[in-house]
Protein backbone atom coordinates (compact mmCIF):
# COMPACT_ATOMS: atom_id res chain seq x y z
CA MET A 1 31.37 -75.05 80.97
CA ASN A 2 29.26 -78.16 80.32
CA ARG A 3 29.73 -80.54 77.43
CA ALA A 4 26.58 -79.47 75.51
CA ILE A 5 27.72 -75.82 75.38
CA ILE A 6 31.18 -76.82 74.18
CA GLU A 7 29.70 -79.09 71.48
CA SER A 8 27.31 -76.39 70.29
CA ARG A 9 30.13 -73.83 70.01
CA VAL A 10 32.31 -76.25 68.07
CA ILE A 11 29.42 -76.97 65.69
CA MET A 12 28.75 -73.25 65.18
CA TYR A 13 32.44 -72.67 64.42
CA ILE A 14 32.45 -75.49 61.85
CA PHE A 15 29.34 -74.11 60.16
CA LYS A 16 30.87 -70.64 60.12
CA LEU A 17 33.90 -72.00 58.30
CA ALA A 18 31.58 -73.81 55.87
CA GLN A 19 29.77 -70.54 55.16
CA MET A 20 33.09 -68.81 54.44
CA PHE A 21 34.00 -71.67 52.08
CA LEU A 22 30.66 -71.36 50.25
CA GLN A 23 31.04 -67.61 49.98
CA TYR A 24 34.53 -67.97 48.50
CA TYR A 25 33.43 -70.56 45.90
CA GLU A 26 30.03 -69.03 45.14
CA LYS A 27 30.85 -67.96 41.57
CA PRO A 28 32.63 -71.20 40.48
CA LEU A 29 29.81 -73.26 41.96
CA SER A 30 27.23 -71.15 40.15
CA MET A 31 29.11 -71.53 36.85
CA ILE A 32 29.28 -75.31 37.25
CA GLY A 33 25.56 -75.46 38.03
CA SER A 34 24.63 -73.23 35.10
CA GLY A 35 26.78 -75.26 32.72
CA PHE A 36 25.34 -78.56 33.93
CA GLU A 37 21.79 -77.22 33.69
CA MET A 38 22.43 -75.91 30.18
CA CYS A 39 23.81 -79.29 29.07
CA LEU A 40 20.71 -81.01 30.45
CA ASN A 41 18.46 -78.65 28.52
CA ILE A 42 20.38 -79.08 25.27
CA LEU A 43 20.83 -82.84 25.43
CA GLY A 44 17.66 -83.72 27.31
CA ASN A 45 15.20 -81.59 25.34
CA LYS A 46 14.60 -82.81 21.77
CA SER A 47 13.43 -79.41 20.55
CA ASN A 48 16.37 -77.58 22.11
CA PHE A 49 18.82 -80.21 20.84
CA SER A 50 17.56 -80.10 17.24
CA THR A 51 17.65 -76.29 17.27
CA PHE A 52 21.16 -76.37 18.75
CA LEU A 53 22.41 -78.80 16.06
CA ASN A 54 20.78 -76.82 13.26
CA ASN A 55 22.39 -73.58 14.44
CA LEU A 56 25.72 -75.34 14.99
CA PHE A 57 25.82 -76.57 11.36
CA ARG A 58 24.98 -73.06 10.20
CA GLY A 59 27.88 -71.71 12.23
CA LYS A 60 25.60 -69.77 14.57
CA VAL A 61 25.30 -71.40 17.95
CA VAL A 62 22.27 -70.25 19.94
CA VAL A 63 21.81 -71.70 23.40
CA PRO A 64 18.35 -72.09 24.97
CA SER A 65 17.08 -69.13 26.95
CA LYS A 66 17.04 -69.73 30.71
CA HIS A 67 13.88 -67.65 30.92
CA SER A 68 11.82 -69.62 28.39
CA ALA A 69 9.03 -72.07 29.19
CA SER A 70 11.07 -74.88 27.62
CA PHE A 71 14.04 -74.42 29.97
CA VAL A 72 13.87 -76.83 32.92
CA SER A 73 15.81 -76.76 36.18
CA ILE A 74 17.95 -79.61 37.51
CA ILE A 75 15.10 -80.44 39.90
CA GLY A 76 12.77 -80.62 36.89
CA TYR A 77 15.11 -83.08 35.19
CA LEU A 78 15.15 -85.27 38.28
CA ASP A 79 11.34 -85.48 38.04
CA ASN A 80 9.90 -84.25 34.74
CA ARG A 81 6.20 -84.54 35.58
CA VAL A 82 4.07 -81.41 35.14
CA ASP A 83 0.53 -82.82 34.95
CA LEU A 84 -1.58 -83.27 38.06
CA ASP A 85 -2.84 -86.77 38.84
CA LYS A 86 -6.15 -87.04 36.98
CA ASN A 87 -7.31 -89.79 39.34
CA ILE A 88 -7.19 -87.52 42.39
CA LYS A 89 -10.12 -85.13 42.24
CA LEU A 90 -11.16 -82.19 44.37
CA GLY A 91 -12.86 -83.61 47.45
CA SER A 92 -10.35 -86.42 47.87
CA ASN A 93 -8.28 -86.22 51.06
CA LYS A 94 -5.22 -86.45 48.79
CA TYR A 95 -6.09 -83.52 46.55
CA PHE A 96 -4.40 -80.67 48.41
CA ALA A 97 -1.38 -82.78 49.35
CA THR A 98 -0.72 -83.82 45.75
CA LEU A 99 -1.27 -80.29 44.45
CA SER A 100 1.06 -78.91 47.13
CA ALA A 101 3.79 -81.42 46.23
CA MET A 102 3.59 -80.47 42.55
CA ALA A 103 3.60 -76.76 43.42
CA SER A 104 6.67 -77.28 45.62
CA LYS A 105 8.45 -78.84 42.64
CA LEU A 106 7.31 -76.14 40.22
CA ALA A 107 8.71 -73.46 42.56
CA TYR A 108 12.22 -74.39 41.34
CA GLU A 109 11.41 -73.31 37.75
CA ASN A 110 11.67 -69.96 35.96
CA ASP A 111 8.75 -67.52 35.85
CA GLU A 112 7.68 -68.36 32.31
CA LEU A 113 7.57 -72.12 32.92
CA ILE A 114 5.61 -71.53 36.13
CA LYS A 115 3.12 -69.37 34.23
CA VAL A 116 2.61 -71.87 31.39
CA THR A 117 2.23 -74.80 33.79
CA VAL A 118 -0.22 -73.12 36.16
CA GLU A 119 -2.40 -71.48 33.51
CA ASN A 120 -2.23 -73.90 30.57
CA THR A 121 -1.60 -77.28 32.19
CA TRP A 122 -3.30 -76.96 35.58
CA LYS A 123 -5.98 -74.50 34.36
CA MET A 124 -5.56 -72.33 37.43
CA GLU A 125 -4.83 -68.64 38.00
CA LEU A 126 -1.26 -67.49 38.52
CA LEU A 127 -1.18 -64.53 40.92
CA GLY A 128 2.54 -63.83 40.79
CA SER A 129 6.12 -65.14 40.83
CA TYR A 130 8.58 -63.47 43.16
CA SER A 131 12.31 -63.23 43.84
CA PHE A 132 13.23 -61.75 47.19
CA TRP A 133 16.23 -59.80 48.40
CA ASP A 134 18.71 -61.38 50.80
CA GLU A 135 20.58 -58.68 52.73
CA ARG A 136 23.55 -60.90 53.52
CA CYS A 137 24.08 -62.18 49.96
CA GLN A 138 23.15 -58.79 48.49
CA LYS A 139 21.00 -60.35 45.77
CA ASP A 140 17.65 -62.00 45.15
CA THR A 141 17.76 -65.55 46.48
CA THR A 142 14.47 -66.60 48.09
CA GLN A 143 11.81 -67.41 45.50
CA ALA A 144 8.10 -68.17 45.69
CA PHE A 145 4.97 -68.06 43.58
CA MET A 146 1.25 -67.71 44.28
CA PHE A 147 -1.68 -69.21 42.42
CA ARG A 148 -5.40 -69.59 42.94
CA ASP A 149 -7.41 -72.81 42.66
CA ARG A 150 -10.92 -71.64 41.80
CA ASN A 151 -12.18 -75.23 41.65
CA ALA A 152 -12.29 -75.30 45.45
CA ASP A 153 -15.17 -73.77 47.41
CA PRO A 154 -14.17 -71.41 48.85
CA ASP A 155 -11.34 -70.83 46.41
CA ILE A 156 -7.82 -71.42 47.72
CA ILE A 157 -4.67 -69.37 47.19
CA PHE A 158 -1.44 -71.36 47.38
CA VAL A 159 1.90 -69.85 48.37
CA ALA A 160 4.77 -72.14 47.28
CA PHE A 161 8.33 -71.45 48.44
CA ARG A 162 11.32 -72.74 46.48
CA GLY A 163 13.77 -75.05 48.23
CA THR A 164 17.57 -75.20 48.03
CA GLU A 165 18.96 -75.16 44.51
CA PRO A 166 21.76 -77.75 44.15
CA PHE A 167 24.47 -75.29 43.01
CA ASN A 168 23.31 -72.16 44.83
CA ALA A 169 25.93 -71.31 47.47
CA CYS A 170 23.71 -68.66 49.08
CA ASP A 171 20.93 -71.23 49.60
CA TRP A 172 23.39 -73.60 51.23
CA SER A 173 24.68 -70.77 53.42
CA ILE A 174 21.12 -70.13 54.59
CA ASP A 175 20.69 -73.82 55.39
CA ILE A 176 23.76 -73.99 57.61
CA ASP A 177 23.32 -70.56 59.22
CA ILE A 178 21.85 -72.28 62.25
CA PRO A 179 22.62 -70.02 65.25
CA TRP A 180 19.44 -69.32 67.18
CA TYR A 181 17.55 -66.11 66.82
CA ASP A 182 15.33 -65.02 69.74
CA LEU A 183 12.22 -63.36 68.37
CA GLN A 184 10.66 -60.76 70.62
CA GLY A 185 7.01 -61.69 70.97
CA ILE A 186 7.61 -65.40 70.38
CA ASN A 187 8.43 -67.62 73.31
CA GLY A 188 11.18 -69.60 71.67
CA ARG A 189 14.21 -69.57 69.39
CA VAL A 190 14.34 -70.22 65.66
CA HIS A 191 16.86 -70.99 62.91
CA GLY A 192 18.61 -67.73 62.05
CA GLY A 193 19.23 -68.40 58.35
CA PHE A 194 15.63 -69.30 57.59
CA MET A 195 14.35 -66.13 59.25
CA LYS A 196 16.80 -64.04 57.22
CA ALA A 197 15.52 -65.71 54.06
CA LEU A 198 12.03 -64.46 54.96
CA GLY A 199 13.36 -60.92 55.27
CA LEU A 200 14.76 -60.52 58.78
CA LYS A 201 17.48 -57.84 58.58
CA LEU A 202 20.99 -58.28 59.92
CA ASP A 203 20.22 -55.87 62.77
CA GLY A 204 17.36 -58.13 63.93
CA THR A 205 14.51 -55.92 62.69
CA TRP A 206 11.93 -56.50 59.98
CA PRO A 207 11.79 -54.25 56.91
CA LYS A 208 8.83 -51.92 56.52
CA SER A 209 6.02 -52.74 54.12
CA THR A 210 7.23 -53.04 50.55
CA THR A 211 6.82 -49.88 48.48
CA THR A 212 7.87 -48.92 44.99
CA GLY A 213 11.63 -48.64 44.67
CA GLU A 214 12.47 -50.73 47.73
CA GLN A 215 13.94 -54.21 47.71
CA GLN A 216 11.28 -56.89 48.04
CA HIS A 217 11.43 -59.14 51.09
CA ALA A 218 9.53 -62.40 51.28
CA TYR A 219 7.39 -61.90 54.38
CA ASN A 220 6.28 -58.33 53.67
CA THR A 221 5.59 -58.89 49.99
CA ILE A 222 3.55 -62.07 50.41
CA ALA A 223 1.61 -60.73 53.39
CA GLU A 224 0.71 -57.55 51.47
CA GLU A 225 -0.27 -59.54 48.36
CA LEU A 226 -2.56 -61.78 50.40
CA LYS A 227 -4.22 -58.81 52.07
CA GLY A 228 -4.91 -57.31 48.65
CA HIS A 229 -6.60 -60.49 47.40
CA PHE A 230 -8.64 -60.93 50.56
CA LYS A 231 -10.11 -57.41 50.31
CA THR A 232 -12.19 -58.44 47.30
CA ASN A 233 -12.58 -62.16 48.10
CA HIS A 234 -14.07 -62.42 51.57
CA ARG A 235 -14.33 -66.23 51.63
CA THR A 236 -10.94 -67.05 50.10
CA LYS A 237 -8.54 -69.16 52.17
CA PHE A 238 -4.85 -69.80 51.61
CA MET A 239 -2.34 -72.60 52.04
CA VAL A 240 1.45 -72.53 52.25
CA THR A 241 3.77 -75.22 50.95
CA GLY A 242 7.38 -75.95 50.11
CA HIS A 243 10.09 -78.60 49.84
CA SER A 244 13.33 -78.64 51.84
CA LEU A 245 14.32 -75.02 52.58
CA GLY A 246 10.97 -74.05 51.04
CA GLY A 247 9.22 -76.21 53.63
CA ALA A 248 11.06 -74.42 56.43
CA LEU A 249 9.96 -71.05 55.05
CA ALA A 250 6.40 -72.33 54.64
CA VAL A 251 6.06 -73.19 58.34
CA LEU A 252 7.90 -70.08 59.54
CA PHE A 253 5.76 -67.71 57.48
CA PRO A 254 2.75 -68.10 59.83
CA ALA A 255 5.12 -67.74 62.79
CA VAL A 256 6.08 -64.28 61.53
CA LEU A 257 2.39 -63.53 60.93
CA ALA A 258 1.82 -64.32 64.60
CA LEU A 259 4.82 -62.15 65.55
CA HIS A 260 3.23 -59.21 63.73
CA ASN A 261 -0.24 -60.00 65.12
CA GLU A 262 -1.72 -60.50 61.63
CA ILE A 263 -4.91 -62.04 62.98
CA LYS A 264 -6.96 -61.60 59.80
CA LEU A 265 -4.38 -63.46 57.73
CA LEU A 266 -4.01 -66.26 60.27
CA GLU A 267 -7.77 -66.69 60.27
CA ARG A 268 -7.61 -67.29 56.51
CA LEU A 269 -4.76 -69.81 56.73
CA GLU A 270 -6.27 -73.22 55.99
CA ALA A 271 -3.28 -75.58 55.97
CA ILE A 272 0.47 -76.01 55.58
CA TYR A 273 2.03 -78.87 53.62
CA THR A 274 5.78 -79.40 53.76
CA PHE A 275 7.96 -82.06 52.14
CA GLY A 276 11.41 -83.00 53.40
CA GLN A 277 11.41 -80.02 55.75
CA PRO A 278 14.33 -79.46 58.17
CA ARG A 279 13.79 -78.54 61.82
CA VAL A 280 13.24 -74.83 62.38
CA GLY A 281 13.11 -74.12 66.13
CA ASP A 282 13.46 -75.29 69.70
CA GLU A 283 11.05 -76.80 72.25
CA ARG A 284 9.56 -73.46 73.33
CA PHE A 285 9.01 -72.42 69.71
CA ARG A 286 7.31 -75.77 69.02
CA GLU A 287 4.87 -75.22 71.89
CA PHE A 288 4.20 -71.65 70.76
CA MET A 289 3.36 -72.80 67.22
CA LYS A 290 1.17 -75.63 68.46
CA GLU A 291 -0.88 -73.08 70.40
CA GLN A 292 -1.15 -70.79 67.37
CA PHE A 293 -2.25 -73.55 65.01
CA GLU A 294 -4.77 -74.87 67.51
CA HIS A 295 -6.18 -71.39 68.16
CA TYR A 296 -6.62 -70.54 64.46
CA GLY A 297 -7.58 -74.04 63.31
CA VAL A 298 -4.57 -74.42 61.01
CA ARG A 299 -3.74 -77.92 59.77
CA TYR A 300 -0.01 -78.60 59.43
CA TYR A 301 1.17 -81.75 57.62
CA ARG A 302 4.86 -82.58 57.47
CA PHE A 303 5.65 -85.33 54.95
CA VAL A 304 8.85 -87.31 55.59
CA TYR A 305 9.93 -89.96 53.11
CA SER A 306 11.98 -92.94 54.31
CA HIS A 307 15.59 -92.02 55.19
CA ASP A 308 15.53 -88.50 53.75
CA ILE A 309 18.49 -86.74 55.36
CA VAL A 310 17.04 -83.21 55.56
CA PRO A 311 14.14 -83.73 58.03
CA ARG A 312 16.72 -85.23 60.40
CA LEU A 313 18.72 -81.98 60.43
CA PRO A 314 19.65 -79.84 62.34
CA TYR A 315 20.05 -82.30 65.19
CA ASP A 316 17.60 -82.83 68.02
CA ASP A 317 20.18 -83.37 70.77
CA SER A 318 21.62 -81.64 73.84
CA ALA A 319 23.95 -79.49 71.71
CA LEU A 320 21.55 -78.08 69.10
CA MET A 321 18.12 -78.80 70.63
CA PHE A 322 16.08 -78.42 67.42
CA LYS A 323 12.56 -79.91 67.56
CA HIS A 324 9.97 -80.90 64.97
CA PHE A 325 6.25 -80.33 65.44
CA GLY A 326 3.04 -80.80 63.47
CA THR A 327 1.41 -83.91 62.05
CA CYS A 328 4.22 -86.07 60.66
CA ILE A 329 3.16 -88.30 57.78
CA TYR A 330 6.01 -90.79 57.51
CA VAL A 331 6.18 -92.69 54.21
CA SER A 332 8.24 -95.86 53.85
CA SER A 333 10.15 -96.94 50.74
CA ILE A 334 7.14 -99.05 49.68
CA TYR A 335 4.93 -95.95 49.97
CA GLU A 336 3.12 -96.97 53.11
CA ALA A 337 2.15 -93.93 55.17
CA THR A 338 1.74 -93.74 58.92
CA VAL A 339 0.98 -90.76 61.13
CA VAL A 340 3.67 -90.55 63.80
CA GLU A 341 4.90 -87.99 66.31
CA GLU A 342 8.47 -88.25 65.01
CA GLU A 343 10.05 -90.05 62.06
CA SER A 344 12.12 -93.13 62.87
CA PHE A 345 15.86 -92.51 63.50
CA LYS A 346 15.21 -88.83 64.17
CA ASN A 347 18.87 -87.81 63.72
CA TYR A 348 20.52 -88.79 60.44
CA PHE A 349 23.59 -90.53 61.86
CA ASP A 350 21.69 -92.64 64.41
CA CYS A 351 23.56 -95.96 64.59
CA GLY A 352 20.40 -98.02 64.26
CA SER A 353 19.83 -96.84 60.68
CA ILE A 354 23.22 -97.81 59.24
CA VAL A 355 21.98 -101.02 57.62
CA SER A 356 18.39 -100.04 56.82
CA LYS A 357 19.49 -96.88 54.95
CA ARG A 358 21.64 -98.89 52.56
CA VAL A 359 19.09 -101.65 52.10
CA ASP A 360 16.44 -99.05 51.24
CA ALA A 361 18.85 -97.27 48.87
CA LEU A 362 19.38 -100.51 46.94
CA TRP A 363 15.64 -101.19 46.89
CA GLU A 364 14.92 -97.67 45.59
CA LEU A 365 17.29 -98.26 42.67
CA VAL A 366 15.60 -101.57 41.81
CA ARG A 367 12.15 -100.04 42.36
CA SER A 368 12.86 -97.32 39.77
CA PHE A 369 12.60 -99.97 37.05
CA LEU A 370 9.47 -101.57 38.54
CA LEU A 371 7.25 -98.53 39.19
CA PRO A 372 6.30 -97.75 35.55
CA ARG A 373 5.32 -101.39 35.03
CA MET A 374 3.18 -101.33 38.16
CA PHE A 375 1.59 -97.87 37.98
CA GLY A 376 2.11 -96.58 34.44
CA PRO A 377 4.37 -94.15 32.56
CA ASP A 378 3.82 -91.31 35.04
CA TYR A 379 6.13 -93.19 37.39
CA ARG A 380 9.01 -93.69 34.96
CA GLU A 381 12.15 -92.20 36.48
CA THR A 382 14.60 -90.10 34.50
CA LEU A 383 18.11 -91.31 33.77
CA LEU A 384 19.47 -88.47 35.90
CA LEU A 385 17.47 -89.64 38.91
CA GLN A 386 18.52 -93.27 38.41
CA MET A 387 22.16 -92.15 38.34
CA PHE A 388 21.53 -90.20 41.55
CA ARG A 389 20.07 -93.34 43.13
CA ILE A 390 23.36 -95.12 42.39
CA VAL A 391 25.13 -92.33 44.29
CA GLY A 392 22.67 -93.07 47.08
CA LEU A 393 24.26 -96.48 47.59
CA LEU A 394 27.31 -94.64 48.91
CA PHE A 395 25.48 -91.69 50.47
CA PRO A 396 22.04 -93.00 51.47
CA GLY A 397 19.41 -90.42 52.33
CA LEU A 398 20.36 -87.96 49.58
CA PRO A 399 18.21 -89.37 46.72
CA ALA A 400 15.40 -89.85 49.26
CA HIS A 401 15.17 -86.06 49.47
CA VAL A 402 14.21 -85.71 45.79
CA LEU A 403 10.62 -84.65 45.18
CA GLN A 404 9.94 -87.71 42.99
CA ASP A 405 9.35 -89.86 46.07
CA TYR A 406 7.27 -87.20 47.81
CA ILE A 407 5.01 -86.80 44.79
CA ASN A 408 4.72 -90.58 44.50
CA ALA A 409 3.91 -90.76 48.21
CA THR A 410 1.10 -88.21 47.99
CA ARG A 411 -0.40 -90.17 45.09
CA LEU A 412 0.13 -93.79 46.05
CA ALA A 413 0.14 -93.89 49.86
CA THR A 414 -3.00 -94.03 52.00
CA TYR A 415 -3.13 -91.27 54.59
């Protein structure tokens, strides 16, 4: 048995143990996350805090509703922007990238906040917010929402997948469920956990089309919704986007369309924008997807910011053999963008990045105080994010994954 096979089996065993650990501590982790999120919403929201104090003095404590438009996720408290950049208009080469980045961030929020933001703030049409069933976790985990930008001609439907929630054990289990899955009809192997998040069943089959009374699965539901909209809008195109885990689902969604020979949907797919996306498949899968995108004229842009840890996982080495593909827009810590085939230091623990990661982490902390002076209040960072940047001095690459820098990159960089 060669060394690569031994290494891959050891890695799989470690990840299996990690999944068991996450499963065991799922409820405590969820309680910690909910408590932390609630504290942020009470202490960080003036309206919620004043209401909380008033009720406390009256002896009737009422906590904010997690389903209200005023309740913000942890991701939302790391970057509290909701407005689109007014300086980037339709027709600019930055327009769809900036809108995709904001949609990827909004995907972490509750349905009511998504609705208010899309319809009242962005002045666009919300088509639906969805929570999808995960067979392994036996609950809804994968989330996405769809909205229409009628300002574009033809109008564009966006599908935005939510990424990994910080205290969601099932999300983390999906991320580290990396054993390959061989898809019949696709010449290549893909990340097993990501495919399951799209709806792949434990027996390796895909659920039938969603009908009333059945559990909703991501791929079927979104594909059926798109078909319904395209029946009455013959020129409408669509784009798919997401951050982190959401980015992985965004690029795998068209792969499953190809698997099911959904030619009419693939012909309507205009572009894919991902931010901080992990690797999703091997060399053969990469070549298969390149052929599909070239055949259908799909543009695929993969934004990678500085030393973000997630795009450098799972490893591209002899043991795991994961490969990136698509147009990589690499953005440095001074928001300079370059189009490259692969981000520098492609695996996170590459020895050459030991010093540069820590230098950039220190600069990002200093930069957080400079940006609002240079570019205005839209670039003021929250206290929570600045505290996270301090953590980044010890664990560089973690704060770089936050959407703040990806949104800044789409707005400030030239690409």
